[in-house]
């Protein structure tokens, strides 16, 4: 790429960067500082919080006083008796809070914007992101080595549509500058939609909302001034709302380069990228600018479309997703799918708060919970106050009260002020002369004097908007329709969401077709004018149903065919527990709704031990230590552990806990004590299920117990026609996943690694550690500290004191633009760990890197011979044509049966394959291993190495080094704080390490997490 091209890319990669602001002038736009409770109408009023105040009120007071004095420079303060605050504002005031170190975040997030950041709405192949590597060698990805020829061929329709014709007209690309180039997107949109601009350019011109525009006309350069006051028929403010608009041609696009790239005649470069970017904007221009739609990235939601109430003031809307992508077969396609997104219900802000937090009784309770508390002589915000800010920041509202000069004006919430309407004071203006009088009145007095409105809840905190100096009483604010809700749903809302979103294939297909009709490609003015034509018939591909493996148990092998499920009746486990079970205990928690009698407990123990023996388990003692537990969880676990050890004079091998409900925090505390304090595997069971005495329930639980004690449920035996037979050399499979905290939780990111612990990839050891906050790439320290011991254990227990010759690294959770980081950062760490076990010799093993991704929108609707009775694909369906990348090694694989809804395949991408496998070797191996998931009698949707990493990551949350009194920090048991107390501990800027597993029983190498 040329230097000029690099500059052009860098210049456009500034999207989203915020410009600096001055006190009164922002580039080419004049601003009047200050604000007030009525927005622009109250400019010139003063707002204060008190003498010597350092809070938010002081900030707005300073700016407003400055405006009132007619000087944009030095703020003028007026005396007031309002309470002080120690939280600083954006525009002034000193904070007495000690500065904190910035949190450790993902380095990839902190890098300068990249060229491809402008193309987030397009599904791009991994090699495309090499365009960002301006000063380093491009990352090499392996090409597709061929296609799988095992199994049988079946036809299937895909929810994607072929682009039939590209624009043939000349397309001129323009660089757009509004003001200084750093204005807000809403300002950019207003200026672009102005009559002045339309008169100068004429239709149809596409605009990306930031720096780029495209047209069929050659303007060379256009410069004009746009007065938004005049455009909106408002009194002019002497040019203070006027912006300079510059439109300058930069190049002519050659759309034919896209097809040349697909045919392999040109390499990916900036010219191809800009042509693709133009087509993406062309595709979305009409629907995204239509008032009947709400556009959220790649999805569109109709304001009059289907929706459902989820409870808690939240509703879900059904919309349509569309994305442009380059595909195998030298074509470009449009992926269309159903989109379901949560929105706030339009209601008053106070009603939304009371509805969302069930523990809040009424509006007065909101005021009580937000009442500041005293800390070192200062007023500080409660946790509930901070929670409200996290949840509502950025939500758009309008003020509704009699006499409001701007009833339709939409405001965006910035924060909740520490002052209420009785504490915050502003300067009163003379009603006739509109000049400041010097008198300070409270906000409550202001509304009474000016509008004859008596506030019903003056003790509520004021709400500050993103518009500088604008605050409103909370009781006036109303949530606008179409405000996206981004926080975590509670359990009831999640259940309602699933009911709404889950639909069988025929219903989903109808919804996809309905969404496609909304897009109305054939009648789209922009598509028609530019000549982009899209086929209305979905893509049809020829998929394959891979041969299913047999399931080998200890006493028989079962052929399951395409059923994808089996049972354990009359079957013994492939490998039983290597040490007889004789030191084990059963503890029954007596608190809760479910009750169980001693005779019922004794019967359960006998039935459980008998069932384990019937499945081949070694049970030397069918009479464990049994006791009831009514103390604190930590003390209860300690008592059961000690008592069991004392009875059998041996360290306990297994502890079983019978509980009465599904209290997740209770469960995590049990696991924390067993894993980290005593190093003993444990099993938690529901009393309600135990009372039923269902043999199938016992068998399902025993699969987990046997795995924890060192056994193996079953092994997948490759079909004779399978492309994968077995591992021909000593092979290690490594699975990895990094999970992140739910919205509103302060938990750290969790890195989990799994390592296969037998020769066929059935058993897996796992270990976890914190990985910073929202950091996706696994840190070097974690590779050494987590993977190192696991590899050493593999060498001693599986490899016969030799290192593996083949390593499969299966990684989950990374997006396509992070593939480079996996190859450049994580894979070298794997080599480094294995090399450290070589005693000075060089490791010459081979590495295969596979990415597993379920976050995509490709769905298939197969013909009858490839579908189950619900219309979902049969297990083993492989899609490697028509919707995969143009030439990289990727594929979609269905390896499971769908219990409900429309099944979703996993998208696997092979980034590196030093063993140079044929595609059927990798694809059939992954499919067959999905039948080896240890705790299920069905094949699973994801390779077990990654599936186990998910389990270990979730379980490791129990190992956080926090006292039990801290309560749950995330997950199902976590609730956003609604108390009016301050937190007991300061927030962490660095992720604390987890408590280590106590390895007395070598629990590290057991499947403790399952």
Foldseek 3Di string as FASTA:
>chain_A
DDPVQVVVLLVVLCPPPADDDDQADDFQFGHQWAAEAQGPVQQLKAKAQAPPAQFPRHQNRQRSQCSVVVHSPGGDDDHDHFAHFQHHDPRDGDHPDDDDDFFDAAVVVVDRGFSCVLVVQAAEFLQLLQQRVPPDDGADFDWAPDDDDFFDKFKWFWQKWFFDDFFPAKKWKKWKAKRNQRDDLVLLVLQCPFPVNCVVPPDDKFDPSGTMIMDSDDPQKDKDKDQSCVRVVHDGPPRNRIIIMIIHTDDIADLVVLLCVLVVNDDNYPNNVVSVSVVFRLLCVVQCPDPQWPDDRQWIFGPPADKADLWLQKIKTKTKGWHWYFFAPSTIMIRIFIDIFMFGHWWAPQVSVCGNDVVQDHSVSLLVLQQFDDDPNHTDGFLQQVLVQLFQAQFKKAFDDPPSPCRPDIFGFHGWTNAFQQRMWMFDADPPVRRTPSDIDGNQVVCCVPVVDHDPCRSGTWTDTPPRNHIHHRRRIIGDPPHGGAFDDAPSSVVVSCVVPFDFPVVRVVVRLVNVVVSVQVPDPSCVVSVTGIDSGTDMDIWRFHFAFWKAACPDIHRPTLPQFDACVQTAHVWFQPDAAEQEEEEEECDDDDHDDPVLVLVLLQLLVVLNVSNPYHHPHSDFHYDYDHDDLLVRLVVRQVVSCVVVVHGHAEYEYEYADPQPLSVLLNLQCCFFVRQHFYYYHYPVVSSVVDSRVSVLRVLVVRQQSPTFGIATQDDPSFPAHADPFQEKEKEWFWAAFGPQFQAAIKIKIWIQQERGRQHIFMDMKGATHPHGDRDLVCLCVTVLVVQVNSCVRYVVVDGTQEYEYEYEDDRSNCPVVCVVPVVVSVLVSSCVSVVPDHRPHWYKYKYKYQPDRMAIQIDPVQADPSREGGARIKADRDHHHHIFHKIWGAQWDDPTGHDTTIIMGIRDGPVPDNNSNVSVSQSSQQCSQRSGRGRDRGRNSHVLRVLNRVSQQSQAPDDCVQPRRGDNRDDSDSGSHHDPDDRDSTHDIGRHTDCPVPSSSGSSRD
